[in-house]
């Protein structure tokens, strides 16, 4: 495994340690997930000019669509996929993380790493979702 991949997995493990318990309960509550999505969208708007945040937009928008499909009942996610997607968004939204967001571009490095680590870990599920989504148009 490459050093970058190792670091991404370490960061993902740290994110799980920070927010794992919170995510377990949150992932089962549609209202709370909707609040999370609204907060994530607002943070993207607030920091939209930041080049690091622009790299997060596509994976985050896919995660949001996956959650919406899950809670609407049209495309259910496994509990592990649901948990990882919620974890990624909680980590992105939280001001409490490994590198604080107030540090500017550097503060988004860990957010980007966690989002991309979850995206890579769920590659097959994401591709399956995107294939399914294409058939819905």
C-alpha atoms as a PDB file:
ATOM      1  CA  UNK A   1       0.000   0.000   0.000  1.00  0.00           C
ATOM      2  CA  UNK A   2       1.332   3.465  -0.806  1.00  0.00           C
ATOM      3  CA  UNK A   3       2.249   5.997   1.844  1.00  0.00           C
ATOM      4  CA  UNK A   4      -0.572   8.291   0.720  1.00  0.00           C
ATOM      5  CA  UNK A   5      -3.079   5.461   0.967  1.00  0.00           C
ATOM      6  CA  UNK A   6      -1.730   4.494   4.396  1.00  0.00           C
ATOM      7  CA  UNK A   7      -2.086   8.082   5.618  1.00  0.00           C
ATOM      8  CA  UNK A   8      -5.632   8.294   4.236  1.00  0.00           C
ATOM      9  CA  UNK A   9      -6.577   5.110   6.076  1.00  0.00           C
ATOM     10  CA  UNK A  10      -4.988   6.413   9.272  1.00  0.00           C
ATOM     11  CA  UNK A  11      -6.963   9.632   8.961  1.00  0.00           C
ATOM     12  CA  UNK A  12     -10.152   7.672   8.331  1.00  0.00           C
ATOM     13  CA  UNK A  13      -9.469   5.623  11.469  1.00  0.00           C
ATOM     14  CA  UNK A  14      -8.940   8.854  13.424  1.00  0.00           C
ATOM     15  CA  UNK A  15     -12.236  10.221  12.068  1.00  0.00           C
ATOM     16  CA  UNK A  16     -13.999   7.032  13.178  1.00  0.00           C
ATOM     17  CA  UNK A  17     -12.453   7.405  16.638  1.00  0.00           C
ATOM     18  CA  UNK A  18     -13.622  11.025  16.878  1.00  0.00           C
ATOM     19  CA  UNK A  19     -17.134  10.621  15.496  1.00  0.00           C
ATOM     20  CA  UNK A  20     -17.922   6.897  15.368  1.00  0.00           C
ATOM     21  CA  UNK A  21     -20.432   6.839  18.212  1.00  0.00           C
ATOM     22  CA  UNK A  22     -22.155  10.014  17.006  1.00  0.00           C
ATOM     23  CA  UNK A  23     -22.455   8.630  13.471  1.00  0.00           C
ATOM     24  CA  UNK A  24     -23.977   5.324  14.595  1.00  0.00           C
ATOM     25  CA  UNK A  25     -27.017   7.064  16.075  1.00  0.00           C
ATOM     26  CA  UNK A  26     -27.199   9.835  13.508  1.00  0.00           C
ATOM     27  CA  UNK A  27     -27.213   7.553  10.448  1.00  0.00           C
ATOM     28  CA  UNK A  28     -30.565   6.064  11.479  1.00  0.00           C
ATOM     29  CA  UNK A  29     -32.380   9.397  11.911  1.00  0.00           C
ATOM     30  CA  UNK A  30     -33.608  10.870   8.660  1.00  0.00           C
ATOM     31  CA  UNK A  31     -34.309  14.297  10.168  1.00  0.00           C
ATOM     32  CA  UNK A  32     -30.799  14.554  11.579  1.00  0.00           C
ATOM     33  CA  UNK A  33     -29.274  13.449   8.271  1.00  0.00           C
ATOM     34  CA  UNK A  34     -31.308  16.146   6.483  1.00  0.00           C
ATOM     35  CA  UNK A  35     -29.905  18.716   8.932  1.00  0.00           C
ATOM     36  CA  UNK A  36     -26.410  17.376   8.269  1.00  0.00           C
ATOM     37  CA  UNK A  37     -26.919  17.706   4.504  1.00  0.00           C
ATOM     38  CA  UNK A  38     -28.163  21.282   4.891  1.00  0.00           C
ATOM     39  CA  UNK A  39     -25.109  22.153   7.003  1.00  0.00           C
ATOM     40  CA  UNK A  40     -22.738  20.580   4.484  1.00  0.00           C
ATOM     41  CA  UNK A  41     -24.359  22.484   1.618  1.00  0.00           C
ATOM     42  CA  UNK A  42     -24.040  25.739   3.561  1.00  0.00           C
ATOM     43  CA  UNK A  43     -20.365  25.100   4.322  1.00  0.00           C
ATOM     44  CA  UNK A  44     -19.732  24.438   0.632  1.00  0.00           C
ATOM     45  CA  UNK A  45     -21.383  27.773  -0.213  1.00  0.00           C
ATOM     46  CA  UNK A  46     -19.472  29.613   2.528  1.00  0.00           C
ATOM     47  CA  UNK A  47     -16.100  28.251   1.443  1.00  0.00           C
ATOM     48  CA  UNK A  48     -16.863  27.705  -2.242  1.00  0.00           C
ATOM     49  CA  UNK A  49     -13.973  29.900  -3.403  1.00  0.00           C
ATOM     50  CA  UNK A  50     -11.405  27.751  -1.654  1.00  0.00           C
ATOM     51  CA  UNK A  51      -9.658  25.467  -4.193  1.00  0.00           C
ATOM     52  CA  UNK A  52      -9.522  22.583  -1.688  1.00  0.00           C
ATOM     53  CA  UNK A  53     -13.272  22.774  -1.165  1.00  0.00           C
ATOM     54  CA  UNK A  54     -13.869  22.667  -4.937  1.00  0.00           C
ATOM     55  CA  UNK A  55     -12.177  19.239  -4.987  1.00  0.00           C
ATOM     56  CA  UNK A  56     -14.717  18.056  -2.407  1.00  0.00           C
ATOM     57  CA  UNK A  57     -17.814  19.118  -4.302  1.00  0.00           C
ATOM     58  CA  UNK A  58     -18.222  16.106  -6.611  1.00  0.00           C
ATOM     59  CA  UNK A  59     -17.745  13.350  -3.984  1.00  0.00           C
ATOM     60  CA  UNK A  60     -19.884  15.259  -1.480  1.00  0.00           C
ATOM     61  CA  UNK A  61     -22.679  15.801  -4.007  1.00  0.00           C
ATOM     62  CA  UNK A  62     -22.657  12.065  -4.788  1.00  0.00           C
ATOM     63  CA  UNK A  63     -22.763  11.248  -1.063  1.00  0.00           C
ATOM     64  CA  UNK A  64     -25.717  13.626  -0.622  1.00  0.00           C
ATOM     65  CA  UNK A  65     -27.599  12.022  -3.522  1.00  0.00           C
ATOM     66  CA  UNK A  66     -26.880   8.573  -2.076  1.00  0.00           C
ATOM     67  CA  UNK A  67     -28.318   9.621   1.294  1.00  0.00           C
ATOM     68  CA  UNK A  68     -31.397  11.170  -0.289  1.00  0.00           C
ATOM     69  CA  UNK A  69     -32.037   8.016  -2.341  1.00  0.00           C
ATOM     70  CA  UNK A  70     -31.563   5.861   0.759  1.00  0.00           C
ATOM     71  CA  UNK A  71     -33.978   7.820   2.936  1.00  0.00           C
ATOM     72  CA  UNK A  72     -36.556   8.145   0.171  1.00  0.00           C
ATOM     73  CA  UNK A  73     -36.447   4.351  -0.111  1.00  0.00           C
ATOM     74  CA  UNK A  74     -35.581   4.222  -3.817  1.00  0.00           C
ATOM     75  CA  UNK A  75     -31.973   2.974  -3.406  1.00  0.00           C
ATOM     76  CA  UNK A  76     -31.121   1.597   0.004  1.00  0.00           C
ATOM     77  CA  UNK A  77     -27.510   1.597   1.219  1.00  0.00           C
ATOM     78  CA  UNK A  78     -25.959  -1.069   3.395  1.00  0.00           C
ATOM     79  CA  UNK A  79     -25.513  -0.017   7.006  1.00  0.00           C
ATOM     80  CA  UNK A  80     -21.719   0.096   6.604  1.00  0.00           C
ATOM     81  CA  UNK A  81     -21.942   2.289   3.489  1.00  0.00           C
ATOM     82  CA  UNK A  82     -24.495   4.532   5.172  1.00  0.00           C
ATOM     83  CA  UNK A  83     -22.233   4.883   8.200  1.00  0.00           C
ATOM     84  CA  UNK A  84     -19.154   5.769   6.151  1.00  0.00           C
ATOM     85  CA  UNK A  85     -21.017   8.345   4.059  1.00  0.00           C
ATOM     86  CA  UNK A  86     -22.441   9.993   7.174  1.00  0.00           C
ATOM     87  CA  UNK A  87     -19.005   9.861   8.836  1.00  0.00           C
ATOM     88  CA  UNK A  88     -17.421  11.667   5.867  1.00  0.00           C
ATOM     89  CA  UNK A  89     -20.039  14.424   5.950  1.00  0.00           C
ATOM     90  CA  UNK A  90     -19.922  14.801   9.744  1.00  0.00           C
ATOM     91  CA  UNK A  91     -16.146  15.098   9.589  1.00  0.00           C
ATOM     92  CA  UNK A  92     -16.361  17.676   6.799  1.00  0.00           C
ATOM     93  CA  UNK A  93     -18.924  19.745   8.692  1.00  0.00           C
ATOM     94  CA  UNK A  94     -17.390  19.507  12.149  1.00  0.00           C
ATOM     95  CA  UNK A  95     -15.143  22.327  13.337  1.00  0.00           C
ATOM     96  CA  UNK A  96     -13.498  19.748  15.610  1.00  0.00           C
ATOM     97  CA  UNK A  97     -11.160  17.653  13.514  1.00  0.00           C
ATOM     98  CA  UNK A  98      -7.499  16.746  13.161  1.00  0.00           C
ATOM     99  CA  UNK A  99      -6.544  20.022  11.431  1.00  0.00           C
ATOM    100  CA  UNK A 100      -8.913  22.908  12.348  1.00  0.00           C
ATOM    101  CA  UNK A 101     -10.671  24.552   9.390  1.00  0.00           C
ATOM    102  CA  UNK A 102      -9.752  28.058  10.559  1.00  0.00           C
ATOM    103  CA  UNK A 103      -6.218  27.365   9.298  1.00  0.00           C
ATOM    104  CA  UNK A 104      -7.429  28.077   5.766  1.00  0.00           C
ATOM    105  CA  UNK A 105      -6.281  25.810   2.943  1.00  0.00           C
ATOM    106  CA  UNK A 106      -4.345  23.616   5.377  1.00  0.00           C
ATOM    107  CA  UNK A 107      -7.457  23.202   7.502  1.00  0.00           C
ATOM    108  CA  UNK A 108      -9.263  21.533   4.627  1.00  0.00           C
ATOM    109  CA  UNK A 109      -6.472  19.047   3.928  1.00  0.00           C
ATOM    110  CA  UNK A 110      -7.787  16.537   6.460  1.00  0.00           C
ATOM    111  CA  UNK A 111     -11.399  17.096   5.348  1.00  0.00           C
ATOM    112  CA  UNK A 112     -10.360  16.401   1.765  1.00  0.00           C
ATOM    113  CA  UNK A 113      -8.405  13.327   2.846  1.00  0.00           C
ATOM    114  CA  UNK A 114     -11.316  11.836   4.791  1.00  0.00           C
ATOM    115  CA  UNK A 115     -13.828  12.532   1.996  1.00  0.00           C
ATOM    116  CA  UNK A 116     -11.525  11.016  -0.620  1.00  0.00           C
ATOM    117  CA  UNK A 117     -10.623   8.042   1.612  1.00  0.00           C
ATOM    118  CA  UNK A 118     -14.314   7.213   2.094  1.00  0.00           C
ATOM    119  CA  UNK A 119     -14.953   7.790  -1.617  1.00  0.00           C
ATOM    120  CA  UNK A 120     -12.130   5.366  -2.501  1.00  0.00           C
ATOM    121  CA  UNK A 121     -13.254   2.806   0.087  1.00  0.00           C
ATOM    122  CA  UNK A 122     -16.797   2.910  -1.324  1.00  0.00           C
ATOM    123  CA  UNK A 123     -15.666   2.944  -4.962  1.00  0.00           C
ATOM    124  CA  UNK A 124     -17.749  -0.087  -5.946  1.00  0.00           C
ATOM    125  CA  UNK A 125     -20.861   1.158  -4.122  1.00  0.00           C
ATOM    126  CA  UNK A 126     -20.448   4.629  -5.635  1.00  0.00           C
ATOM    127  CA  UNK A 127     -20.112   3.174  -9.142  1.00  0.00           C
ATOM    128  CA  UNK A 128     -23.157   0.982  -8.575  1.00  0.00           C
ATOM    129  CA  UNK A 129     -25.117   4.001  -7.352  1.00  0.00           C
ATOM    130  CA  UNK A 130     -24.038   6.133 -10.330  1.00  0.00           C
ATOM    131  CA  UNK A 131     -25.006   3.317 -12.733  1.00  0.00           C
ATOM    132  CA  UNK A 132     -28.385   3.016 -11.022  1.00  0.00           C
ATOM    133  CA  UNK A 133     -28.805   6.803 -11.091  1.00  0.00           C
ATOM    134  CA  UNK A 134     -28.167   6.900 -14.865  1.00  0.00           C
ATOM    135  CA  UNK A 135     -31.006   4.419 -15.404  1.00  0.00           C
ATOM    136  CA  UNK A 136     -33.399   6.722 -13.522  1.00  0.00           C
ATOM    137  CA  UNK A 137     -33.123   9.584 -16.012  1.00  0.00           C
END
